PDB file of N, CA and C in Angstrom:
ATOM      1  N   MET A   1       1.044  -1.482  -0.155  1.00  0.00           N
ATOM      2  CA  MET A   1       0.115  -0.048  -0.154  1.00  0.00           C
ATOM      3  C   MET A   1       0.758   1.186  -0.114  1.00  0.00           C
ATOM      4  N   ILE A   2       0.535   2.251  -0.897  1.00  0.00           N
ATOM      5  CA  ILE A   2       1.175   3.544  -0.727  1.00  0.00           C
ATOM      6  C   ILE A   2       0.585   4.472   0.094  1.00  0.00           C
ATOM      7  N   LYS A   3       1.390   4.779   1.355  1.00  0.00           N
ATOM      8  CA  LYS A   3       1.123   5.750   2.392  1.00  0.00           C
ATOM      9  C   LYS A   3       1.473   7.164   1.933  1.00  0.00           C
ATOM     10  N   VAL A   4       0.667   7.924   2.232  1.00  0.00           N
ATOM     11  CA  VAL A   4       1.005   9.621   1.934  1.00  0.00           C
ATOM     12  C   VAL A   4       0.756  10.457   3.333  1.00  0.00           C
ATOM     13  N   VAL A   5       1.812  10.585   3.977  1.00  0.00           N
ATOM     14  CA  VAL A   5       1.499  11.461   5.191  1.00  0.00           C
ATOM     15  C   VAL A   5       2.054  13.085   4.545  1.00  0.00           C
ATOM     16  N   CYS A   6       1.192  13.741   5.402  1.00  0.00           N
ATOM     17  CA  CYS A   6       1.205  14.886   5.013  1.00  0.00           C
ATOM     18  C   CYS A   6       0.859  16.008   6.377  1.00  0.00           C
ATOM     19  N   SER A   7       1.598  16.854   7.097  1.00  0.00           N
ATOM     20  CA  SER A   7       1.458  17.604   7.938  1.00  0.00           C
ATOM     21  C   SER A   7       0.017  18.531   7.529  1.00  0.00           C
ATOM     22  N   LYS A   8      -0.386  19.055   8.580  1.00  0.00           N
ATOM     23  CA  LYS A   8      -1.441  19.700   8.314  1.00  0.00           C
ATOM     24  C   LYS A   8      -1.692  21.208   7.949  1.00  0.00           C
ATOM     25  N   ASP A   9      -0.318  21.885   7.787  1.00  0.00           N
ATOM     26  CA  ASP A   9       0.053  22.974   6.954  1.00  0.00           C
ATOM     27  C   ASP A   9       0.352  22.257   5.601  1.00  0.00           C
ATOM     28  N   ASN A  10       0.560  21.368   5.177  1.00  0.00           N
ATOM     29  CA  ASN A  10       0.922  20.871   3.764  1.00  0.00           C
ATOM     30  C   ASN A  10       2.095  21.295   3.465  1.00  0.00           C
ATOM     31  N   LYS A  11       3.312  21.642   4.457  1.00  0.00           N
ATOM     32  CA  LYS A  11       4.641  21.655   3.843  1.00  0.00           C
ATOM     33  C   LYS A  11       5.699  20.592   4.207  1.00  0.00           C
ATOM     34  N   ASN A  12       5.026  19.519   4.670  1.00  0.00           N
ATOM     35  CA  ASN A  12       5.898  18.125   4.457  1.00  0.00           C
ATOM     36  C   ASN A  12       5.218  16.816   4.003  1.00  0.00           C
ATOM     37  N   ILE A  13       5.471  16.239   3.203  1.00  0.00           N
ATOM     38  CA  ILE A  13       4.801  15.347   2.631  1.00  0.00           C
ATOM     39  C   ILE A  13       5.625  14.299   2.345  1.00  0.00           C
ATOM     40  N   THR A  14       5.485  13.015   2.760  1.00  0.00           N
ATOM     41  CA  THR A  14       6.373  11.609   2.541  1.00  0.00           C
ATOM     42  C   THR A  14       5.301  10.717   2.041  1.00  0.00           C
ATOM     43  N   ILE A  15       5.856  10.310   0.427  1.00  0.00           N
ATOM     44  CA  ILE A  15       5.019   9.218  -0.048  1.00  0.00           C
ATOM     45  C   ILE A  15       5.680   8.113   0.086  1.00  0.00           C
ATOM     46  N   SER A  16       5.132   6.696   0.339  1.00  0.00           N
ATOM     47  CA  SER A  16       6.005   5.684   0.673  1.00  0.00           C
ATOM     48  C   SER A  16       5.237   4.597   0.205  1.00  0.00           C
ATOM     49  N   GLY A  17       5.719   3.385   0.076  1.00  0.00           N
ATOM     50  CA  GLY A  17       5.017   2.072  -0.069  1.00  0.00           C
ATOM     51  C   GLY A  17       5.147   1.941  -1.671  1.00  0.00           C
ATOM     52  N   HIS A  18       4.341   0.594  -1.874  1.00  0.00           N
ATOM     53  CA  HIS A  18       3.968   0.369  -3.094  1.00  0.00           C
ATOM     54  C   HIS A  18       2.518   0.045  -3.097  1.00  0.00           C
ATOM     55  N   ALA A  19       2.081   0.173  -4.539  1.00  0.00           N
ATOM     56  CA  ALA A  19       0.366  -0.182  -4.336  1.00  0.00           C
ATOM     57  C   ALA A  19       0.063  -1.345  -4.593  1.00  0.00           C
ATOM     58  N   LEU A  20       0.774  -2.362  -5.106  1.00  0.00           N
ATOM     59  CA  LEU A  20       0.374  -3.767  -5.479  1.00  0.00           C
ATOM     60  C   LEU A  20      -0.916  -4.105  -6.008  1.00  0.00           C
ATOM     61  N   TYR A  21      -1.096  -3.051  -6.752  1.00  0.00           N
ATOM     62  CA  TYR A  21      -2.345  -3.416  -7.457  1.00  0.00           C
ATOM     63  C   TYR A  21      -2.224  -4.399  -8.464  1.00  0.00           C
ATOM     64  N   ASP A  22      -1.097  -4.250  -9.332  1.00  0.00           N
ATOM     65  CA  ASP A  22      -0.857  -5.004 -10.348  1.00  0.00           C
ATOM     66  C   ASP A  22       0.313  -5.743 -10.229  1.00  0.00           C
ATOM     67  N   ASP A  23       1.118  -6.253 -11.431  1.00  0.00           N
ATOM     68  CA  ASP A  23       2.784  -6.260 -11.390  1.00  0.00           C
ATOM     69  C   ASP A  23       3.375  -5.376 -11.872  1.00  0.00           C
ATOM     70  N   TYR A  24       4.584  -5.271 -11.424  1.00  0.00           N
ATOM     71  CA  TYR A  24       5.619  -4.111 -11.739  1.00  0.00           C
ATOM     72  C   TYR A  24       5.416  -3.853 -13.146  1.00  0.00           C
ATOM     73  N   GLY A  25       5.356  -2.763 -13.386  1.00  0.00           N
ATOM     74  CA  GLY A  25       5.009  -2.102 -15.116  1.00  0.00           C
ATOM     75  C   GLY A  25       3.537  -2.452 -15.874  1.00  0.00           C
ATOM     76  N   LYS A  26       2.943  -2.813 -14.707  1.00  0.00           N
ATOM     77  CA  LYS A  26       1.485  -2.580 -14.741  1.00  0.00           C
ATOM     78  C   LYS A  26       0.489  -2.014 -14.182  1.00  0.00           C
ATOM     79  N   ASP A  27       0.933  -1.695 -12.909  1.00  0.00           N
ATOM     80  CA  ASP A  27       0.254  -1.081 -12.109  1.00  0.00           C
ATOM     81  C   ASP A  27      -0.180   0.301 -11.822  1.00  0.00           C
ATOM     82  N   ILE A  28      -1.556   0.507 -12.578  1.00  0.00           N
ATOM     83  CA  ILE A  28      -1.834   1.776 -12.731  1.00  0.00           C
ATOM     84  C   ILE A  28      -2.112   2.948 -11.564  1.00  0.00           C
ATOM     85  N   VAL A  29      -1.848   2.185 -10.253  1.00  0.00           N
ATOM     86  CA  VAL A  29      -1.953   3.071  -8.960  1.00  0.00           C
ATOM     87  C   VAL A  29      -1.016   3.515  -8.872  1.00  0.00           C
ATOM     88  N   CYS A  30       0.068   2.972  -9.062  1.00  0.00           N
ATOM     89  CA  CYS A  30       1.446   3.190  -8.472  1.00  0.00           C
ATOM     90  C   CYS A  30       2.106   4.467 -10.018  1.00  0.00           C
ATOM     91  N   ALA A  31       1.528   4.256 -10.876  1.00  0.00           N
ATOM     92  CA  ALA A  31       1.724   5.035 -12.473  1.00  0.00           C
ATOM     93  C   ALA A  31       1.260   6.379 -12.273  1.00  0.00           C
ATOM     94  N   SER A  32      -0.223   6.191 -11.447  1.00  0.00           N
ATOM     95  CA  SER A  32      -1.173   7.489 -11.364  1.00  0.00           C
ATOM     96  C   SER A  32      -0.068   8.490 -10.248  1.00  0.00           C
ATOM     97  N   VAL A  33       0.238   7.747  -9.015  1.00  0.00           N
ATOM     98  CA  VAL A  33       0.809   8.301  -7.927  1.00  0.00           C
ATOM     99  C   VAL A  33       2.271   9.224  -8.402  1.00  0.00           C
ATOM    100  N   THR A  34       3.098   8.312  -9.240  1.00  0.00           N
ATOM    101  CA  THR A  34       4.119   8.541  -9.712  1.00  0.00           C
ATOM    102  C   THR A  34       3.741  10.047 -10.430  1.00  0.00           C
ATOM    103  N   SER A  35       2.750   9.693 -11.361  1.00  0.00           N
ATOM    104  CA  SER A  35       2.695  10.871 -12.464  1.00  0.00           C
ATOM    105  C   SER A  35       2.317  12.268 -11.699  1.00  0.00           C
ATOM    106  N   ILE A  36       1.120  12.057 -10.693  1.00  0.00           N
ATOM    107  CA  ILE A  36       0.738  13.407  -9.901  1.00  0.00           C
ATOM    108  C   ILE A  36       2.070  14.140  -9.376  1.00  0.00           C
ATOM    109  N   VAL A  37       3.020  13.232  -8.215  1.00  0.00           N
ATOM    110  CA  VAL A  37       3.969  13.890  -7.570  1.00  0.00           C
ATOM    111  C   VAL A  37       4.804  14.146  -8.525  1.00  0.00           C
ATOM    112  N   THR A  38       5.311  13.572  -9.459  1.00  0.00           N
ATOM    113  CA  THR A  38       6.090  14.497 -10.669  1.00  0.00           C
ATOM    114  C   THR A  38       5.702  15.496 -11.498  1.00  0.00           C
ATOM    115  N   THR A  39       4.648  15.828 -11.802  1.00  0.00           N
ATOM    116  CA  THR A  39       4.322  16.948 -12.412  1.00  0.00           C
ATOM    117  C   THR A  39       3.770  18.041 -11.544  1.00  0.00           C
ATOM    118  N   THR A  40       3.617  17.574 -10.044  1.00  0.00           N
ATOM    119  CA  THR A  40       3.547  18.476  -9.011  1.00  0.00           C
ATOM    120  C   THR A  40       4.982  19.223  -9.117  1.00  0.00           C
ATOM    121  N   ILE A  41       5.857  18.242  -8.727  1.00  0.00           N
ATOM    122  CA  ILE A  41       7.288  18.795  -8.142  1.00  0.00           C
ATOM    123  C   ILE A  41       7.882  19.514  -9.516  1.00  0.00           C
ATOM    124  N   ASN A  42       7.643  19.345 -10.698  1.00  0.00           N
ATOM    125  CA  ASN A  42       8.192  20.179 -11.732  1.00  0.00           C
ATOM    126  C   ASN A  42       7.567  21.309 -12.081  1.00  0.00           C
ATOM    127  N   ALA A  43       6.251  21.441 -11.543  1.00  0.00           N
ATOM    128  CA  ALA A  43       5.168  22.489 -11.807  1.00  0.00           C
ATOM    129  C   ALA A  43       5.911  23.671 -10.921  1.00  0.00           C
ATOM    130  N   ILE A  44       5.877  22.955  -9.493  1.00  0.00           N
ATOM    131  CA  ILE A  44       6.627  24.105  -8.561  1.00  0.00           C
ATOM    132  C   ILE A  44       7.891  24.423  -9.041  1.00  0.00           C
ATOM    133  N   LEU A  45       8.822  23.699  -9.326  1.00  0.00           N
ATOM    134  CA  LEU A  45      10.078  23.743  -9.602  1.00  0.00           C
ATOM    135  C   LEU A  45      10.386  25.236 -11.125  1.00  0.00           C
ATOM    136  N   SER A  46       9.300  25.061 -11.564  1.00  0.00           N
ATOM    137  CA  SER A  46       9.206  25.886 -12.784  1.00  0.00           C
ATOM    138  C   SER A  46       9.101  27.305 -12.578  1.00  0.00           C
ATOM    139  N   PHE A  47       8.377  27.541 -11.360  1.00  0.00           N
ATOM    140  CA  PHE A  47       8.101  28.771 -10.906  1.00  0.00           C
ATOM    141  C   PHE A  47       9.166  29.403 -10.049  1.00  0.00           C
ATOM    142  N   ASP A  48       9.901  28.481  -9.105  1.00  0.00           N
ATOM    143  CA  ASP A  48      11.072  28.851  -8.132  1.00  0.00           C
ATOM    144  C   ASP A  48      11.751  27.675  -7.795  1.00  0.00           C
ATOM    145  N   ASN A  49      13.023  27.360  -8.351  1.00  0.00           N
ATOM    146  CA  ASN A  49      13.791  26.348  -8.026  1.00  0.00           C
ATOM    147  C   ASN A  49      14.151  25.847  -6.390  1.00  0.00           C
ATOM    148  N   ASP A  50      13.943  27.286  -5.753  1.00  0.00           N
ATOM    149  CA  ASP A  50      14.388  27.061  -4.403  1.00  0.00           C
ATOM    150  C   ASP A  50      12.563  27.046  -3.354  1.00  0.00           C
ATOM    151  N   ALA A  51      11.572  26.521  -4.212  1.00  0.00           N
ATOM    152  CA  ALA A  51      10.692  26.626  -3.543  1.00  0.00           C
ATOM    153  C   ALA A  51      10.210  25.341  -2.815  1.00  0.00           C
ATOM    154  N   ILE A  52      10.948  24.304  -3.448  1.00  0.00           N
ATOM    155  CA  ILE A  52      10.592  23.277  -2.198  1.00  0.00           C
ATOM    156  C   ILE A  52      11.934  22.277  -2.319  1.00  0.00           C
ATOM    157  N   TYR A  53      12.022  21.578  -1.472  1.00  0.00           N
ATOM    158  CA  TYR A  53      13.182  20.319  -1.403  1.00  0.00           C
ATOM    159  C   TYR A  53      12.569  19.056  -1.700  1.00  0.00           C
ATOM    160  N   TYR A  54      12.834  18.315  -2.445  1.00  0.00           N
ATOM    161  CA  TYR A  54      12.556  16.968  -2.480  1.00  0.00           C
ATOM    162  C   TYR A  54      13.604  16.205  -2.671  1.00  0.00           C
ATOM    163  N   GLU A  55      12.944  14.783  -2.305  1.00  0.00           N
ATOM    164  CA  GLU A  55      14.228  13.641  -2.446  1.00  0.00           C
ATOM    165  C   GLU A  55      13.520  12.456  -2.842  1.00  0.00           C
ATOM    166  N   ALA A  56      14.484  11.513  -3.736  1.00  0.00           N
ATOM    167  CA  ALA A  56      13.302  10.073  -3.869  1.00  0.00           C
ATOM    168  C   ALA A  56      14.321   9.519  -3.571  1.00  0.00           C
ATOM    169  N   ILE A  57      14.333   8.609  -2.817  1.00  0.00           N
ATOM    170  CA  ILE A  57      14.884   7.538  -1.906  1.00  0.00           C
ATOM    171  C   ILE A  57      13.973   6.051  -2.260  1.00  0.00           C
ATOM    172  N   SER A  58      14.732   5.077  -2.479  1.00  0.00           N
ATOM    173  CA  SER A  58      14.007   3.882  -3.136  1.00  0.00           C
ATOM    174  C   SER A  58      12.668   3.621  -2.412  1.00  0.00           C
ATOM    175  N   GLY A  59      11.597   3.802  -3.106  1.00  0.00           N
ATOM    176  CA  GLY A  59       9.962   3.517  -2.963  1.00  0.00           C
ATOM    177  C   GLY A  59       9.777   4.394  -1.775  1.00  0.00           C
ATOM    178  N   LYS A  60      10.149   5.761  -1.895  1.00  0.00           N
ATOM    179  CA  LYS A  60      10.117   6.868  -0.841  1.00  0.00           C
ATOM    180  C   LYS A  60      10.120   8.158  -1.415  1.00  0.00           C
ATOM    181  N   ILE A  61       9.331   9.253  -1.729  1.00  0.00           N
ATOM    182  CA  ILE A  61       9.541  10.305  -2.011  1.00  0.00           C
ATOM    183  C   ILE A  61       9.206  11.505  -0.764  1.00  0.00           C
ATOM    184  N   VAL A  62       9.985  12.454  -0.369  1.00  0.00           N
ATOM    185  CA  VAL A  62      10.106  13.641   0.569  1.00  0.00           C
ATOM    186  C   VAL A  62       9.820  14.853   0.086  1.00  0.00           C
ATOM    187  N   ILE A  63       9.045  15.412   0.295  1.00  0.00           N
ATOM    188  CA  ILE A  63       8.670  16.848  -0.505  1.00  0.00           C
ATOM    189  C   ILE A  63       8.726  17.845   1.038  1.00  0.00           C
ATOM    190  N   GLU A  64       9.664  18.908   0.644  1.00  0.00           N
ATOM    191  CA  GLU A  64       9.043  19.853   2.078  1.00  0.00           C
ATOM    192  C   GLU A  64       9.302  21.426   1.491  1.00  0.00           C
ATOM    193  N   VAL A  65       8.299  21.939   1.748  1.00  0.00           N
ATOM    194  CA  VAL A  65       8.225  23.578   1.110  1.00  0.00           C
ATOM    195  C   VAL A  65       9.180  24.500   1.630  1.00  0.00           C
ATOM    196  N   LYS A  66       9.589  24.878   1.086  1.00  0.00           N
ATOM    197  CA  LYS A  66      10.765  26.095   1.724  1.00  0.00           C
ATOM    198  C   LYS A  66      10.639  27.373   1.428  1.00  0.00           C
ATOM    199  N   LYS A  67       9.667  27.744   0.798  1.00  0.00           N
ATOM    200  CA  LYS A  67       8.868  29.200   0.114  1.00  0.00           C
ATOM    201  C   LYS A  67       7.395  28.902   0.084  1.00  0.00           C
ATOM    202  N   ASP A  68       6.609  29.481   0.765  1.00  0.00           N
ATOM    203  CA  ASP A  68       5.300  29.555   0.762  1.00  0.00           C
ATOM    204  C   ASP A  68       4.627  30.514   0.103  1.00  0.00           C
ATOM    205  N   THR A  69       4.627  29.993  -1.319  1.00  0.00           N
ATOM    206  CA  THR A  69       3.869  31.136  -2.153  1.00  0.00           C
ATOM    207  C   THR A  69       2.674  30.392  -2.734  1.00  0.00           C
ATOM    208  N   ARG A  70       2.224  31.428  -3.220  1.00  0.00           N
ATOM    209  CA  ARG A  70       0.631  31.205  -3.771  1.00  0.00           C
ATOM    210  C   ARG A  70       0.712  29.957  -4.690  1.00  0.00           C
ATOM    211  N   GLU A  71       1.360  29.863  -5.748  1.00  0.00           N
ATOM    212  CA  GLU A  71       1.738  29.079  -6.386  1.00  0.00           C
ATOM    213  C   GLU A  71       1.871  27.258  -5.913  1.00  0.00           C
ATOM    214  N   THR A  72       3.101  27.552  -4.789  1.00  0.00           N
ATOM    215  CA  THR A  72       3.283  26.609  -4.411  1.00  0.00           C
ATOM    216  C   THR A  72       2.158  25.832  -3.745  1.00  0.00           C
ATOM    217  N   ARG A  73       1.142  26.538  -2.833  1.00  0.00           N
ATOM    218  CA  ARG A  73       0.299  26.188  -2.101  1.00  0.00           C
ATOM    219  C   ARG A  73      -1.185  25.533  -3.116  1.00  0.00           C
ATOM    220  N   ILE A  74      -1.342  26.215  -4.094  1.00  0.00           N
ATOM    221  CA  ILE A  74      -2.551  25.830  -5.033  1.00  0.00           C
ATOM    222  C   ILE A  74      -1.763  24.242  -5.728  1.00  0.00           C
ATOM    223  N   LEU A  75      -0.386  24.247  -6.053  1.00  0.00           N
ATOM    224  CA  LEU A  75      -0.156  22.960  -6.629  1.00  0.00           C
ATOM    225  C   LEU A  75      -0.211  21.813  -5.677  1.00  0.00           C
ATOM    226  N   ILE A  76       0.612  22.003  -4.397  1.00  0.00           N
ATOM    227  CA  ILE A  76       0.630  20.891  -3.483  1.00  0.00           C
ATOM    228  C   ILE A  76      -0.918  20.776  -3.005  1.00  0.00           C
ATOM    229  N   ARG A  77      -1.869  21.489  -2.732  1.00  0.00           N
ATOM    230  CA  ARG A  77      -3.280  21.265  -2.451  1.00  0.00           C
ATOM    231  C   ARG A  77      -3.893  20.614  -3.910  1.00  0.00           C
ATOM    232  N   ASN A  78      -3.507  20.735  -5.059  1.00  0.00           N
ATOM    233  CA  ASN A  78      -4.172  19.984  -5.982  1.00  0.00           C
ATOM    234  C   ASN A  78      -3.639  18.632  -5.796  1.00  0.00           C
ATOM    235  N   MET A  79      -2.270  18.547  -5.828  1.00  0.00           N
ATOM    236  CA  MET A  79      -1.826  17.044  -5.409  1.00  0.00           C
ATOM    237  C   MET A  79      -2.454  16.302  -4.821  1.00  0.00           C
ATOM    238  N   MET A  80      -2.824  16.864  -3.571  1.00  0.00           N
ATOM    239  CA  MET A  80      -3.535  15.978  -2.131  1.00  0.00           C
ATOM    240  C   MET A  80      -4.801  15.951  -2.756  1.00  0.00           C
ATOM    241  N   ASN A  81      -5.313  16.699  -3.125  1.00  0.00           N
ATOM    242  CA  ASN A  81      -6.790  16.541  -3.627  1.00  0.00           C
ATOM    243  C   ASN A  81      -6.991  15.511  -4.796  1.00  0.00           C
ATOM    244  N   LEU A  82      -5.720  15.528  -5.518  1.00  0.00           N
ATOM    245  CA  LEU A  82      -5.513  13.807  -6.830  1.00  0.00           C
ATOM    246  C   LEU A  82      -5.419  13.086  -6.098  1.00  0.00           C
ATOM    247  N   LEU A  83      -4.356  12.893  -5.082  1.00  0.00           N
ATOM    248  CA  LEU A  83      -4.328  11.640  -4.173  1.00  0.00           C
ATOM    249  C   LEU A  83      -5.205  11.306  -3.592  1.00  0.00           C
ATOM    250  N   THR A  84      -6.239  12.035  -2.944  1.00  0.00           N
ATOM    251  CA  THR A  84      -7.021  11.720  -2.330  1.00  0.00           C
ATOM    252  C   THR A  84      -8.473  11.143  -3.023  1.00  0.00           C
ATOM    253  N   GLU A  85      -8.559  11.874  -3.973  1.00  0.00           N
ATOM    254  CA  GLU A  85      -9.805  11.050  -5.254  1.00  0.00           C
ATOM    255  C   GLU A  85      -9.129   9.882  -5.869  1.00  0.00           C
ATOM    256  N   LEU A  86      -7.977   9.492  -5.966  1.00  0.00           N
ATOM    257  CA  LEU A  86      -7.128   8.584  -6.153  1.00  0.00           C
ATOM    258  C   LEU A  86      -7.480   7.197  -5.083  1.00  0.00           C
ATOM    259  N   SER A  87      -7.060   7.895  -3.749  1.00  0.00           N
ATOM    260  CA  SER A  87      -7.016   7.022  -2.569  1.00  0.00           C
ATOM    261  C   SER A  87      -8.615   6.341  -2.393  1.00  0.00           C
ATOM    262  N   GLU A  88      -9.587   7.148  -2.704  1.00  0.00           N
ATOM    263  CA  GLU A  88     -11.029   6.703  -2.775  1.00  0.00           C
ATOM    264  C   GLU A  88     -11.408   5.595  -3.619  1.00  0.00           C
ATOM    265  N   THR A  89     -11.003   5.683  -4.761  1.00  0.00           N
ATOM    266  CA  THR A  89     -11.274   4.783  -5.728  1.00  0.00           C
ATOM    267  C   THR A  89     -10.563   3.354  -5.654  1.00  0.00           C
ATOM    268  N   TYR A  90      -9.159   3.458  -4.937  1.00  0.00           N
ATOM    269  CA  TYR A  90      -8.763   2.503  -4.576  1.00  0.00           C
ATOM    270  C   TYR A  90      -8.018   2.325  -3.062  1.00  0.00           C
ATOM    271  N   LYS A  91      -8.940   2.098  -2.549  1.00  0.00           N
ATOM    272  CA  LYS A  91      -8.757   1.847  -0.900  1.00  0.00           C
ATOM    273  C   LYS A  91      -7.660   1.140  -0.653  1.00  0.00           C
ATOM    274  N   LYS A  92      -7.626  -0.102  -1.070  1.00  0.00           N
ATOM    275  CA  LYS A  92      -6.898  -1.045  -1.005  1.00  0.00           C
ATOM    276  C   LYS A  92      -5.384  -1.054  -1.265  1.00  0.00           C
ATOM    277  N   ASN A  93      -4.917   0.171  -1.883  1.00  0.00           N
ATOM    278  CA  ASN A  93      -3.686   0.485  -2.728  1.00  0.00           C
ATOM    279  C   ASN A  93      -2.859   1.765  -2.076  1.00  0.00           C
ATOM    280  N   ILE A  94      -3.742   2.756  -1.522  1.00  0.00           N
ATOM    281  CA  ILE A  94      -3.132   4.173  -1.089  1.00  0.00           C
ATOM    282  C   ILE A  94      -4.016   4.581  -0.073  1.00  0.00           C
ATOM    283  N   LYS A  95      -3.361   5.191   0.364  1.00  0.00           N
ATOM    284  CA  LYS A  95      -4.006   5.761   2.182  1.00  0.00           C
ATOM    285  C   LYS A  95      -3.295   7.239   2.372  1.00  0.00           C
ATOM    286  N   ILE A  96      -4.067   8.057   2.482  1.00  0.00           N
ATOM    287  CA  ILE A  96      -3.735   9.511   2.852  1.00  0.00           C
ATOM    288  C   ILE A  96      -3.616   9.293   4.493  1.00  0.00           C
ATOM    289  N   CYS A  97      -2.748   9.621   5.138  1.00  0.00           N
ATOM    290  CA  CYS A  97      -2.699   9.689   6.554  1.00  0.00           C
ATOM    291  C   CYS A  97      -2.617  11.430   6.963  1.00  0.00           C
TER     292      CYS A  97
END
C-alpha cells in the first residue's frame, strides 16, 4: 500500500510504499501516483527552483516546502486533492494519513 503522510499545513509530505495493484510495470495506481507527484514537483520548480526540497529514495518521496508562495500552495493542494480522489477509488492500494 502507498501511504501519503502530510503535515496539517501541507509543508511536509512523505509518499512511500508500493500500491500492489498489479504486476510491476502494469500497476496503474503506482503510475498515477508517480505521475501526479512528478508533475507537481516539476510545476513548482518551474516557478522557483528554491520553493521546495524534494528527495526520492528507494520507494519513498519526501517533499518539504521552503517558500510558502501562492503557486506552491495551489499546486500542493491540487496534488493532495488528486491523491485523495485516487485513494477513494483504490482504498486497498493508497491511503492518505
